[in-house]
Amino acid sequence: MAKNKVNKEFEEIDGIQVPKTTKLERESPSRTLAKTISWRIVASITTFVIFYITAGEKIALQVITAAIGIEVVAKMIIYYLHERAWAHIHWGRYWMKNKLVRAIKLYYIRKRRAKK
């Protein structure tokens, strides 16, 4: 069974097993937005609880309402932009390894063909 998996991931070129190109996987903007909203809900509830416990009921309800109103909008925008920026950074993605290995092997295959 492992043999079939290897055959699907690699192709043979001039006797050298070369990884097939893999599909670039990125998050869509709508997925990033959904993550942004869900995270902001969790983070705002956490902030409210912390303020309520540390500042007391009277101060917390007045201050936290204003603070969360500003915080929700500002931090959602910042988080969304941060996520979109990271969506374009390829460092650390598993597919890059196969892409680089393929490029290196194809370089040597072309070099060998040029000598013939």
PDB file of N, CA and C in Angstrom:
ATOM      1  N   MET A   1       0.822  -1.205   0.000  1.00  0.00           N
ATOM      2  CA  MET A   1       0.000   0.000   0.000  1.00  0.00           C
ATOM      3  C   MET A   1       0.862   1.263   0.000  1.00  0.00           C
ATOM      4  N   ALA A   2       1.964   1.225   0.733  1.00  0.00           N
ATOM      5  CA  ALA A   2       2.886   2.365   0.745  1.00  0.00           C
ATOM      6  C   ALA A   2       3.477   2.588  -0.642  1.00  0.00           C
ATOM      7  N   LYS A   3       3.651   1.510  -1.386  1.00  0.00           N
ATOM      8  CA  LYS A   3       4.188   1.608  -2.737  1.00  0.00           C
ATOM      9  C   LYS A   3       3.276   2.437  -3.638  1.00  0.00           C
ATOM     10  N   ASN A   4       1.947   2.216  -3.526  1.00  0.00           N
ATOM     11  CA  ASN A   4       0.993   2.976  -4.323  1.00  0.00           C
ATOM     12  C   ASN A   4       1.033   4.453  -3.969  1.00  0.00           C
ATOM     13  N   LYS A   5       1.176   4.743  -2.672  1.00  0.00           N
ATOM     14  CA  LYS A   5       1.237   6.130  -2.242  1.00  0.00           C
ATOM     15  C   LYS A   5       2.467   6.824  -2.833  1.00  0.00           C
ATOM     16  N   VAL A   6       3.591   6.134  -2.815  1.00  0.00           N
ATOM     17  CA  VAL A   6       4.814   6.694  -3.385  1.00  0.00           C
ATOM     18  C   VAL A   6       4.624   6.938  -4.875  1.00  0.00           C
ATOM     19  N   ASN A   7       4.008   5.996  -5.572  1.00  0.00           N
ATOM     20  CA  ASN A   7       3.797   6.141  -7.012  1.00  0.00           C
ATOM     21  C   ASN A   7       2.898   7.324  -7.337  1.00  0.00           C
ATOM     22  N   LYS A   8       1.948   7.636  -6.474  1.00  0.00           N
ATOM     23  CA  LYS A   8       1.053   8.762  -6.719  1.00  0.00           C
ATOM     24  C   LYS A   8       1.741  10.101  -6.463  1.00  0.00           C
ATOM     25  N   GLU A   9       2.708  10.114  -5.534  1.00  0.00           N
ATOM     26  CA  GLU A   9       3.375  11.352  -5.172  1.00  0.00           C
ATOM     27  C   GLU A   9       4.603  11.650  -6.023  1.00  0.00           C
ATOM     28  N   PHE A  10       5.138  10.609  -6.703  1.00  0.00           N
ATOM     29  CA  PHE A  10       6.356  10.783  -7.480  1.00  0.00           C
ATOM     30  C   PHE A  10       6.150  10.314  -8.916  1.00  0.00           C
ATOM     31  N   GLU A  11       6.931  10.871  -9.799  1.00  0.00           N
ATOM     32  CA  GLU A  11       6.965  10.411 -11.182  1.00  0.00           C
ATOM     33  C   GLU A  11       8.427  10.143 -11.539  1.00  0.00           C
ATOM     34  N   GLU A  12       8.632   9.201 -12.436  1.00  0.00           N
ATOM     35  CA  GLU A  12       9.996   8.855 -12.802  1.00  0.00           C
ATOM     36  C   GLU A  12      10.386   9.595 -14.076  1.00  0.00           C
ATOM     37  N   ILE A  13      11.483  10.320 -14.003  1.00  0.00           N
ATOM     38  CA  ILE A  13      12.025  11.031 -15.153  1.00  0.00           C
ATOM     39  C   ILE A  13      13.488  10.635 -15.279  1.00  0.00           C
ATOM     40  N   ASP A  14      13.841  10.033 -16.380  1.00  0.00           N
ATOM     41  CA  ASP A  14      15.215   9.561 -16.614  1.00  0.00           C
ATOM     42  C   ASP A  14      15.734   8.711 -15.456  1.00  0.00           C
ATOM     43  N   GLY A  15      14.883   7.854 -14.923  1.00  0.00           N
ATOM     44  CA  GLY A  15      15.289   6.955 -13.857  1.00  0.00           C
ATOM     45  C   GLY A  15      15.370   7.599 -12.487  1.00  0.00           C
ATOM     46  N   ILE A  16      14.956   8.834 -12.362  1.00  0.00           N
ATOM     47  CA  ILE A  16      14.999   9.528 -11.072  1.00  0.00           C
ATOM     48  C   ILE A  16      13.570   9.778 -10.611  1.00  0.00           C
ATOM     49  N   GLN A  17      13.284   9.409  -9.360  1.00  0.00           N
ATOM     50  CA  GLN A  17      11.967   9.664  -8.789  1.00  0.00           C
ATOM     51  C   GLN A  17      11.871  11.147  -8.421  1.00  0.00           C
ATOM     52  N   VAL A  18      10.934  11.848  -9.055  1.00  0.00           N
ATOM     53  CA  VAL A  18      10.757  13.284  -8.841  1.00  0.00           C
ATOM     54  C   VAL A  18       9.381  13.516  -8.245  1.00  0.00           C
ATOM     55  N   PRO A  19       9.291  14.289  -7.162  1.00  0.00           N
ATOM     56  CA  PRO A  19       7.966  14.562  -6.607  1.00  0.00           C
ATOM     57  C   PRO A  19       7.096  15.289  -7.619  1.00  0.00           C
ATOM     58  N   LYS A  20       5.832  14.870  -7.702  1.00  0.00           N
ATOM     59  CA  LYS A  20       4.894  15.600  -8.553  1.00  0.00           C
ATOM     60  C   LYS A  20       4.624  16.945  -7.901  1.00  0.00           C
ATOM     61  N   THR A  21       4.272  17.912  -8.714  1.00  0.00           N
ATOM     62  CA  THR A  21       3.967  19.212  -8.135  1.00  0.00           C
ATOM     63  C   THR A  21       2.706  19.062  -7.303  1.00  0.00           C
ATOM     64  N   THR A  22       2.719  19.682  -6.159  1.00  0.00           N
ATOM     65  CA  THR A  22       1.570  19.605  -5.275  1.00  0.00           C
ATOM     66  C   THR A  22       0.777  20.895  -5.349  1.00  0.00           C
ATOM     67  N   LYS A  23      -0.479  20.783  -5.061  1.00  0.00           N
ATOM     68  CA  LYS A  23      -1.374  21.929  -5.104  1.00  0.00           C
ATOM     69  C   LYS A  23      -1.035  22.899  -3.974  1.00  0.00           C
ATOM     70  N   LEU A  24      -0.980  24.152  -4.306  1.00  0.00           N
ATOM     71  CA  LEU A  24      -0.726  25.177  -3.309  1.00  0.00           C
ATOM     72  C   LEU A  24      -1.984  25.345  -2.466  1.00  0.00           C
ATOM     73  N   GLU A  25      -1.841  25.168  -1.169  1.00  0.00           N
ATOM     74  CA  GLU A  25      -2.991  25.287  -0.283  1.00  0.00           C
ATOM     75  C   GLU A  25      -2.905  26.588   0.492  1.00  0.00           C
ATOM     76  N   ARG A  26      -3.895  27.416   0.296  1.00  0.00           N
ATOM     77  CA  ARG A  26      -3.994  28.678   1.018  1.00  0.00           C
ATOM     78  C   ARG A  26      -5.395  28.826   1.545  1.00  0.00           C
ATOM     79  N   GLU A  27      -5.518  29.626   2.578  1.00  0.00           N
ATOM     80  CA  GLU A  27      -6.837  29.903   3.119  1.00  0.00           C
ATOM     81  C   GLU A  27      -7.523  30.964   2.273  1.00  0.00           C
ATOM     82  N   SER A  28      -8.829  30.806   2.135  1.00  0.00           N
ATOM     83  CA  SER A  28      -9.593  31.817   1.419  1.00  0.00           C
ATOM     84  C   SER A  28      -9.849  32.996   2.351  1.00  0.00           C
ATOM     85  N   PRO A  29     -10.085  34.165   1.785  1.00  0.00           N
ATOM     86  CA  PRO A  29     -10.413  35.318   2.634  1.00  0.00           C
ATOM     87  C   PRO A  29     -11.656  35.083   3.493  1.00  0.00           C
ATOM     88  N   SER A  30     -12.643  34.345   2.986  1.00  0.00           N
ATOM     89  CA  SER A  30     -13.849  34.099   3.789  1.00  0.00           C
ATOM     90  C   SER A  30     -13.545  33.206   4.989  1.00  0.00           C
ATOM     91  N   ARG A  31     -12.635  32.227   4.822  1.00  0.00           N
ATOM     92  CA  ARG A  31     -12.233  31.389   5.963  1.00  0.00           C
ATOM     93  C   ARG A  31     -11.497  32.236   6.995  1.00  0.00           C
ATOM     94  N   THR A  32     -10.617  33.122   6.521  1.00  0.00           N
ATOM     95  CA  THR A  32      -9.901  34.001   7.437  1.00  0.00           C
ATOM     96  C   THR A  32     -10.877  34.893   8.190  1.00  0.00           C
ATOM     97  N   LEU A  33     -11.895  35.397   7.503  1.00  0.00           N
ATOM     98  CA  LEU A  33     -12.891  36.244   8.156  1.00  0.00           C
ATOM     99  C   LEU A  33     -13.668  35.463   9.210  1.00  0.00           C
ATOM    100  N   ALA A  34     -14.050  34.225   8.920  1.00  0.00           N
ATOM    101  CA  ALA A  34     -14.760  33.393   9.899  1.00  0.00           C
ATOM    102  C   ALA A  34     -13.889  33.141  11.129  1.00  0.00           C
ATOM    103  N   LYS A  35     -12.601  32.861  10.903  1.00  0.00           N
ATOM    104  CA  LYS A  35     -11.679  32.668  12.019  1.00  0.00           C
ATOM    105  C   LYS A  35     -11.534  33.957  12.823  1.00  0.00           C
ATOM    106  N   THR A  36     -11.494  35.079  12.126  1.00  0.00           N
ATOM    107  CA  THR A  36     -11.367  36.374  12.783  1.00  0.00           C
ATOM    108  C   THR A  36     -12.541  36.623  13.714  1.00  0.00           C
ATOM    109  N   ILE A  37     -13.751  36.401  13.223  1.00  0.00           N
ATOM    110  CA  ILE A  37     -14.952  36.649  14.020  1.00  0.00           C
ATOM    111  C   ILE A  37     -15.030  35.702  15.209  1.00  0.00           C
ATOM    112  N   SER A  38     -14.775  34.415  14.975  1.00  0.00           N
ATOM    113  CA  SER A  38     -14.859  33.461  16.091  1.00  0.00           C
ATOM    114  C   SER A  38     -13.810  33.757  17.155  1.00  0.00           C
ATOM    115  N   TRP A  39     -12.599  34.105  16.730  1.00  0.00           N
ATOM    116  CA  TRP A  39     -11.562  34.439  17.701  1.00  0.00           C
ATOM    117  C   TRP A  39     -11.919  35.706  18.467  1.00  0.00           C
ATOM    118  N   ARG A  40     -12.472  36.691  17.778  1.00  0.00           N
ATOM    119  CA  ARG A  40     -12.802  37.944  18.448  1.00  0.00           C
ATOM    120  C   ARG A  40     -13.872  37.730  19.506  1.00  0.00           C
ATOM    121  N   ILE A  41     -14.832  36.843  19.265  1.00  0.00           N
ATOM    122  CA  ILE A  41     -15.867  36.543  20.257  1.00  0.00           C
ATOM    123  C   ILE A  41     -15.224  35.948  21.511  1.00  0.00           C
ATOM    124  N   VAL A  42     -14.371  34.952  21.308  1.00  0.00           N
ATOM    125  CA  VAL A  42     -13.690  34.312  22.439  1.00  0.00           C
ATOM    126  C   VAL A  42     -12.831  35.330  23.197  1.00  0.00           C
ATOM    127  N   ALA A  43     -12.057  36.114  22.475  1.00  0.00           N
ATOM    128  CA  ALA A  43     -11.160  37.078  23.112  1.00  0.00           C
ATOM    129  C   ALA A  43     -11.930  38.168  23.855  1.00  0.00           C
ATOM    130  N   SER A  44     -13.049  38.637  23.302  1.00  0.00           N
ATOM    131  CA  SER A  44     -13.830  39.683  23.959  1.00  0.00           C
ATOM    132  C   SER A  44     -14.495  39.168  25.232  1.00  0.00           C
ATOM    133  N   ILE A  45     -14.987  37.950  25.209  1.00  0.00           N
ATOM    134  CA  ILE A  45     -15.574  37.362  26.419  1.00  0.00           C
ATOM    135  C   ILE A  45     -14.502  37.219  27.494  1.00  0.00           C
ATOM    136  N   THR A  46     -13.310  36.794  27.088  1.00  0.00           N
ATOM    137  CA  THR A  46     -12.201  36.671  28.036  1.00  0.00           C
ATOM    138  C   THR A  46     -11.859  38.025  28.644  1.00  0.00           C
ATOM    139  N   THR A  47     -11.771  39.051  27.823  1.00  0.00           N
ATOM    140  CA  THR A  47     -11.473  40.401  28.303  1.00  0.00           C
ATOM    141  C   THR A  47     -12.539  40.872  29.286  1.00  0.00           C
ATOM    142  N   PHE A  48     -13.803  40.627  28.955  1.00  0.00           N
ATOM    143  CA  PHE A  48     -14.897  41.034  29.832  1.00  0.00           C
ATOM    144  C   PHE A  48     -14.777  40.355  31.196  1.00  0.00           C
ATOM    145  N   VAL A  49     -14.527  39.057  31.202  1.00  0.00           N
ATOM    146  CA  VAL A  49     -14.419  38.308  32.456  1.00  0.00           C
ATOM    147  C   VAL A  49     -13.246  38.828  33.294  1.00  0.00           C
ATOM    148  N   ILE A  50     -12.118  39.088  32.645  1.00  0.00           N
ATOM    149  CA  ILE A  50     -10.949  39.601  33.373  1.00  0.00           C
ATOM    150  C   ILE A  50     -11.250  40.963  33.992  1.00  0.00           C
ATOM    151  N   PHE A  51     -11.853  41.873  33.219  1.00  0.00           N
ATOM    152  CA  PHE A  51     -12.213  43.184  33.740  1.00  0.00           C
ATOM    153  C   PHE A  51     -13.206  43.051  34.886  1.00  0.00           C
ATOM    154  N   TYR A  52     -14.194  42.217  34.723  1.00  0.00           N
ATOM    155  CA  TYR A  52     -15.249  42.050  35.729  1.00  0.00           C
ATOM    156  C   TYR A  52     -14.667  41.542  37.040  1.00  0.00           C
ATOM    157  N   ILE A  53     -13.754  40.566  36.956  1.00  0.00           N
ATOM    158  CA  ILE A  53     -13.147  39.995  38.164  1.00  0.00           C
ATOM    159  C   ILE A  53     -12.208  41.000  38.830  1.00  0.00           C
ATOM    160  N   THR A  54     -11.414  41.716  38.060  1.00  0.00           N
ATOM    161  CA  THR A  54     -10.407  42.614  38.640  1.00  0.00           C
ATOM    162  C   THR A  54     -10.943  43.988  39.020  1.00  0.00           C
ATOM    163  N   ALA A  55     -11.885  44.536  38.288  1.00  0.00           N
ATOM    164  CA  ALA A  55     -12.337  45.911  38.529  1.00  0.00           C
ATOM    165  C   ALA A  55     -13.612  46.001  39.351  1.00  0.00           C
ATOM    166  N   GLY A  56     -14.355  44.945  39.413  1.00  0.00           N
ATOM    167  CA  GLY A  56     -15.613  45.000  40.161  1.00  0.00           C
ATOM    168  C   GLY A  56     -16.787  45.262  39.235  1.00  0.00           C
ATOM    169  N   GLU A  57     -17.961  44.959  39.735  1.00  0.00           N
ATOM    170  CA  GLU A  57     -19.174  44.989  38.906  1.00  0.00           C
ATOM    171  C   GLU A  57     -19.508  46.384  38.377  1.00  0.00           C
ATOM    172  N   LYS A  58     -19.522  47.407  39.232  1.00  0.00           N
ATOM    173  CA  LYS A  58     -19.953  48.747  38.832  1.00  0.00           C
ATOM    174  C   LYS A  58     -19.035  49.343  37.762  1.00  0.00           C
ATOM    175  N   ILE A  59     -17.743  49.335  38.008  1.00  0.00           N
ATOM    176  CA  ILE A  59     -16.785  49.913  37.063  1.00  0.00           C
ATOM    177  C   ILE A  59     -16.718  49.067  35.791  1.00  0.00           C
ATOM    178  N   ALA A  60     -16.703  47.776  35.965  1.00  0.00           N
ATOM    179  CA  ALA A  60     -16.522  46.874  34.830  1.00  0.00           C
ATOM    180  C   ALA A  60     -17.611  47.039  33.789  1.00  0.00           C
ATOM    181  N   LEU A  61     -18.849  47.094  34.189  1.00  0.00           N
ATOM    182  CA  LEU A  61     -19.935  47.170  33.223  1.00  0.00           C
ATOM    183  C   LEU A  61     -19.911  48.455  32.416  1.00  0.00           C
ATOM    184  N   GLN A  62     -19.520  49.558  33.032  1.00  0.00           N
ATOM    185  CA  GLN A  62     -19.458  50.826  32.308  1.00  0.00           C
ATOM    186  C   GLN A  62     -18.222  50.900  31.409  1.00  0.00           C
ATOM    187  N   VAL A  63     -17.081  50.551  31.947  1.00  0.00           N
ATOM    188  CA  VAL A  63     -15.823  50.670  31.216  1.00  0.00           C
ATOM    189  C   VAL A  63     -15.709  49.608  30.129  1.00  0.00           C
ATOM    190  N   ILE A  64     -16.051  48.389  30.474  1.00  0.00           N
ATOM    191  CA  ILE A  64     -15.850  47.292  29.523  1.00  0.00           C
ATOM    192  C   ILE A  64     -16.756  47.408  28.315  1.00  0.00           C
ATOM    193  N   THR A  65     -17.937  47.949  28.479  1.00  0.00           N
ATOM    194  CA  THR A  65     -18.834  48.120  27.339  1.00  0.00           C
ATOM    195  C   THR A  65     -18.205  49.028  26.291  1.00  0.00           C
ATOM    196  N   ALA A  66     -17.633  50.133  26.724  1.00  0.00           N
ATOM    197  CA  ALA A  66     -16.961  51.047  25.796  1.00  0.00           C
ATOM    198  C   ALA A  66     -15.685  50.419  25.238  1.00  0.00           C
ATOM    199  N   ALA A  67     -14.915  49.800  26.099  1.00  0.00           N
ATOM    200  CA  ALA A  67     -13.645  49.211  25.664  1.00  0.00           C
ATOM    201  C   ALA A  67     -13.868  48.089  24.652  1.00  0.00           C
ATOM    202  N   ILE A  68     -14.831  47.230  24.913  1.00  0.00           N
ATOM    203  CA  ILE A  68     -15.072  46.114  23.996  1.00  0.00           C
ATOM    204  C   ILE A  68     -15.615  46.625  22.664  1.00  0.00           C
ATOM    205  N   GLY A  69     -16.417  47.667  22.691  1.00  0.00           N
ATOM    206  CA  GLY A  69     -16.922  48.229  21.437  1.00  0.00           C
ATOM    207  C   GLY A  69     -15.798  48.661  20.508  1.00  0.00           C
ATOM    208  N   ILE A  70     -14.804  49.327  21.062  1.00  0.00           N
ATOM    209  CA  ILE A  70     -13.653  49.761  20.276  1.00  0.00           C
ATOM    210  C   ILE A  70     -12.753  48.575  19.950  1.00  0.00           C
ATOM    211  N   GLU A  71     -12.512  47.735  20.957  1.00  0.00           N
ATOM    212  CA  GLU A  71     -11.611  46.601  20.807  1.00  0.00           C
ATOM    213  C   GLU A  71     -12.080  45.629  19.721  1.00  0.00           C
ATOM    214  N   VAL A  72     -13.353  45.339  19.687  1.00  0.00           N
ATOM    215  CA  VAL A  72     -13.872  44.355  18.734  1.00  0.00           C
ATOM    216  C   VAL A  72     -13.541  44.764  17.301  1.00  0.00           C
ATOM    217  N   VAL A  73     -13.852  45.978  16.959  1.00  0.00           N
ATOM    218  CA  VAL A  73     -13.627  46.438  15.592  1.00  0.00           C
ATOM    219  C   VAL A  73     -12.131  46.538  15.271  1.00  0.00           C
ATOM    220  N   ALA A  74     -11.382  47.197  16.139  1.00  0.00           N
ATOM    221  CA  ALA A  74      -9.958  47.414  15.883  1.00  0.00           C
ATOM    222  C   ALA A  74      -9.193  46.097  15.796  1.00  0.00           C
ATOM    223  N   LYS A  75      -9.421  45.207  16.744  1.00  0.00           N
ATOM    224  CA  LYS A  75      -8.659  43.963  16.760  1.00  0.00           C
ATOM    225  C   LYS A  75      -9.095  42.995  15.666  1.00  0.00           C
ATOM    226  N   MET A  76     -10.351  43.049  15.241  1.00  0.00           N
ATOM    227  CA  MET A  76     -10.782  42.203  14.122  1.00  0.00           C
ATOM    228  C   MET A  76     -10.052  42.614  12.845  1.00  0.00           C
ATOM    229  N   ILE A  77      -9.945  43.901  12.628  1.00  0.00           N
ATOM    230  CA  ILE A  77      -9.256  44.395  11.433  1.00  0.00           C
ATOM    231  C   ILE A  77      -7.777  43.999  11.482  1.00  0.00           C
ATOM    232  N   ILE A  78      -7.147  44.208  12.633  1.00  0.00           N
ATOM    233  CA  ILE A  78      -5.730  43.872  12.769  1.00  0.00           C
ATOM    234  C   ILE A  78      -5.506  42.380  12.609  1.00  0.00           C
ATOM    235  N   TYR A  79      -6.348  41.558  13.233  1.00  0.00           N
ATOM    236  CA  TYR A  79      -6.209  40.105  13.132  1.00  0.00           C
ATOM    237  C   TYR A  79      -6.407  39.634  11.698  1.00  0.00           C
ATOM    238  N   TYR A  80      -7.414  40.164  11.024  1.00  0.00           N
ATOM    239  CA  TYR A  80      -7.689  39.776   9.635  1.00  0.00           C
ATOM    240  C   TYR A  80      -6.491  40.092   8.742  1.00  0.00           C
ATOM    241  N   LEU A  81      -5.957  41.289   8.866  1.00  0.00           N
ATOM    242  CA  LEU A  81      -4.797  41.683   8.060  1.00  0.00           C
ATOM    243  C   LEU A  81      -3.580  40.816   8.391  1.00  0.00           C
ATOM    244  N   HIS A  82      -3.398  40.491   9.647  1.00  0.00           N
ATOM    245  CA  HIS A  82      -2.296  39.626  10.070  1.00  0.00           C
ATOM    246  C   HIS A  82      -2.445  38.239   9.441  1.00  0.00           C
ATOM    247  N   GLU A  83      -3.629  37.660   9.482  1.00  0.00           N
ATOM    248  CA  GLU A  83      -3.875  36.341   8.894  1.00  0.00           C
ATOM    249  C   GLU A  83      -3.658  36.348   7.377  1.00  0.00           C
ATOM    250  N   ARG A  84      -4.120  37.394   6.712  1.00  0.00           N
ATOM    251  CA  ARG A  84      -3.954  37.471   5.257  1.00  0.00           C
ATOM    252  C   ARG A  84      -2.482  37.621   4.891  1.00  0.00           C
ATOM    253  N   ALA A  85      -1.734  38.367   5.693  1.00  0.00           N
ATOM    254  CA  ALA A  85      -0.302  38.500   5.434  1.00  0.00           C
ATOM    255  C   ALA A  85       0.376  37.138   5.570  1.00  0.00           C
ATOM    256  N   TRP A  86       0.045  36.385   6.604  1.00  0.00           N
ATOM    257  CA  TRP A  86       0.639  35.068   6.796  1.00  0.00           C
ATOM    258  C   TRP A  86       0.188  34.078   5.736  1.00  0.00           C
ATOM    259  N   ALA A  87      -0.957  34.300   5.135  1.00  0.00           N
ATOM    260  CA  ALA A  87      -1.421  33.402   4.069  1.00  0.00           C
ATOM    261  C   ALA A  87      -0.498  33.475   2.853  1.00  0.00           C
ATOM    262  N   HIS A  88       0.252  34.561   2.717  1.00  0.00           N
ATOM    263  CA  HIS A  88       1.157  34.737   1.577  1.00  0.00           C
ATOM    264  C   HIS A  88       2.608  34.382   1.912  1.00  0.00           C
ATOM    265  N   ILE A  89       2.859  33.994   3.150  1.00  0.00           N
ATOM    266  CA  ILE A  89       4.206  33.598   3.553  1.00  0.00           C
ATOM    267  C   ILE A  89       4.295  32.089   3.431  1.00  0.00           C
ATOM    268  N   HIS A  90       5.206  31.615   2.593  1.00  0.00           N
ATOM    269  CA  HIS A  90       5.297  30.189   2.308  1.00  0.00           C
ATOM    270  C   HIS A  90       6.147  29.429   3.313  1.00  0.00           C
ATOM    271  N   TRP A  91       6.893  30.119   4.125  1.00  0.00           N
ATOM    272  CA  TRP A  91       7.771  29.483   5.085  1.00  0.00           C
ATOM    273  C   TRP A  91       6.961  28.566   6.009  1.00  0.00           C
ATOM    274  N   GLY A  92       7.463  27.356   6.171  1.00  0.00           N
ATOM    275  CA  GLY A  92       6.849  26.433   7.106  1.00  0.00           C
ATOM    276  C   GLY A  92       5.713  25.600   6.555  1.00  0.00           C
ATOM    277  N   ARG A  93       5.400  25.749   5.307  1.00  0.00           N
ATOM    278  CA  ARG A  93       4.334  24.942   4.720  1.00  0.00           C
ATOM    279  C   ARG A  93       4.912  23.653   4.184  1.00  0.00           C
ATOM    280  N   TYR A  94       4.210  22.557   4.420  1.00  0.00           N
ATOM    281  CA  TYR A  94       4.744  21.241   4.063  1.00  0.00           C
ATOM    282  C   TYR A  94       4.955  21.073   2.572  1.00  0.00           C
ATOM    283  N   TRP A  95       4.157  21.707   1.750  1.00  0.00           N
ATOM    284  CA  TRP A  95       4.254  21.502   0.304  1.00  0.00           C
ATOM    285  C   TRP A  95       5.532  22.078  -0.280  1.00  0.00           C
ATOM    286  N   MET A  96       6.118  23.034   0.399  1.00  0.00           N
ATOM    287  CA  MET A  96       7.306  23.682  -0.129  1.00  0.00           C
ATOM    288  C   MET A  96       8.451  22.687  -0.264  1.00  0.00           C
ATOM    289  N   LYS A  97       8.562  21.737   0.674  1.00  0.00           N
ATOM    290  CA  LYS A  97       9.636  20.750   0.636  1.00  0.00           C
ATOM    291  C   LYS A  97       9.599  19.987  -0.684  1.00  0.00           C
ATOM    292  N   ASN A  98       8.437  19.456  -1.053  1.00  0.00           N
ATOM    293  CA  ASN A  98       8.325  18.712  -2.299  1.00  0.00           C
ATOM    294  C   ASN A  98       8.607  19.598  -3.508  1.00  0.00           C
ATOM    295  N   LYS A  99       8.190  20.827  -3.447  1.00  0.00           N
ATOM    296  CA  LYS A  99       8.423  21.739  -4.561  1.00  0.00           C
ATOM    297  C   LYS A  99       9.921  21.981  -4.747  1.00  0.00           C
ATOM    298  N   LEU A 100      10.646  22.186  -3.649  1.00  0.00           N
ATOM    299  CA  LEU A 100      12.082  22.412  -3.737  1.00  0.00           C
ATOM    300  C   LEU A 100      12.820  21.155  -4.186  1.00  0.00           C
ATOM    301  N   VAL A 101      12.433  20.009  -3.649  1.00  0.00           N
ATOM    302  CA  VAL A 101      13.066  18.749  -4.051  1.00  0.00           C
ATOM    303  C   VAL A 101      12.860  18.525  -5.537  1.00  0.00           C
ATOM    304  N   ARG A 102      11.660  18.771  -6.019  1.00  0.00           N
ATOM    305  CA  ARG A 102      11.362  18.602  -7.441  1.00  0.00           C
ATOM    306  C   ARG A 102      12.238  19.535  -8.280  1.00  0.00           C
ATOM    307  N   ALA A 103      12.338  20.780  -7.874  1.00  0.00           N
ATOM    308  CA  ALA A 103      13.126  21.750  -8.633  1.00  0.00           C
ATOM    309  C   ALA A 103      14.596  21.321  -8.694  1.00  0.00           C
ATOM    310  N   ILE A 104      15.127  20.845  -7.587  1.00  0.00           N
ATOM    311  CA  ILE A 104      16.531  20.417  -7.562  1.00  0.00           C
ATOM    312  C   ILE A 104      16.739  19.206  -8.459  1.00  0.00           C
ATOM    313  N   LYS A 105      15.864  18.221  -8.342  1.00  0.00           N
ATOM    314  CA  LYS A 105      16.013  17.009  -9.156  1.00  0.00           C
ATOM    315  C   LYS A 105      15.842  17.317 -10.638  1.00  0.00           C
ATOM    316  N   LEU A 106      14.890  18.166 -10.978  1.00  0.00           N
ATOM    317  CA  LEU A 106      14.698  18.524 -12.384  1.00  0.00           C
ATOM    318  C   LEU A 106      15.916  19.279 -12.919  1.00  0.00           C
ATOM    319  N   TYR A 107      16.564  20.060 -12.088  1.00  0.00           N
ATOM    320  CA  TYR A 107      17.778  20.762 -12.492  1.00  0.00           C
ATOM    321  C   TYR A 107      18.845  19.748 -12.905  1.00  0.00           C
ATOM    322  N   TYR A 108      19.039  18.721 -12.080  1.00  0.00           N
ATOM    323  CA  TYR A 108      20.051  17.703 -12.395  1.00  0.00           C
ATOM    324  C   TYR A 108      19.653  16.849 -13.598  1.00  0.00           C
ATOM    325  N   ILE A 109      18.368  16.600 -13.784  1.00  0.00           N
ATOM    326  CA  ILE A 109      17.912  15.859 -14.966  1.00  0.00           C
ATOM    327  C   ILE A 109      18.207  16.665 -16.227  1.00  0.00           C
ATOM    328  N   ARG A 110      17.904  17.956 -16.213  1.00  0.00           N
ATOM    329  CA  ARG A 110      18.180  18.812 -17.373  1.00  0.00           C
ATOM    330  C   ARG A 110      19.681  18.880 -17.650  1.00  0.00           C
ATOM    331  N   LYS A 111      20.459  18.968 -16.582  1.00  0.00           N
ATOM    332  CA  LYS A 111      21.913  19.010 -16.719  1.00  0.00           C
ATOM    333  C   LYS A 111      22.424  17.733 -17.366  1.00  0.00           C
ATOM    334  N   ARG A 112      21.893  16.587 -16.928  1.00  0.00           N
ATOM    335  CA  ARG A 112      22.303  15.287 -17.496  1.00  0.00           C
ATOM    336  C   ARG A 112      21.899  15.190 -18.957  1.00  0.00           C
ATOM    337  N   ARG A 113      20.689  15.668 -19.292  1.00  0.00           N
ATOM    338  CA  ARG A 113      20.219  15.620 -20.688  1.00  0.00           C
ATOM    339  C   ARG A 113      21.063  16.499 -21.590  1.00  0.00           C
ATOM    340  N   ALA A 114      21.520  17.630 -21.066  1.00  0.00           N
ATOM    341  CA  ALA A 114      22.335  18.557 -21.858  1.00  0.00           C
ATOM    342  C   ALA A 114      23.677  17.953 -22.231  1.00  0.00           C
ATOM    343  N   LYS A 115      24.200  17.068 -21.378  1.00  0.00           N
ATOM    344  CA  LYS A 115      25.480  16.423 -21.641  1.00  0.00           C
ATOM    345  C   LYS A 115      25.370  15.386 -22.774  1.00  0.00           C
ATOM    346  N   LYS A 116      24.170  14.823 -22.969  1.00  0.00           N
ATOM    347  CA  LYS A 116      23.984  13.755 -23.976  1.00  0.00           C
ATOM    348  C   LYS A 116      24.034  14.277 -25.363  1.00  0.00           C
TER     349      LYS A 116
END
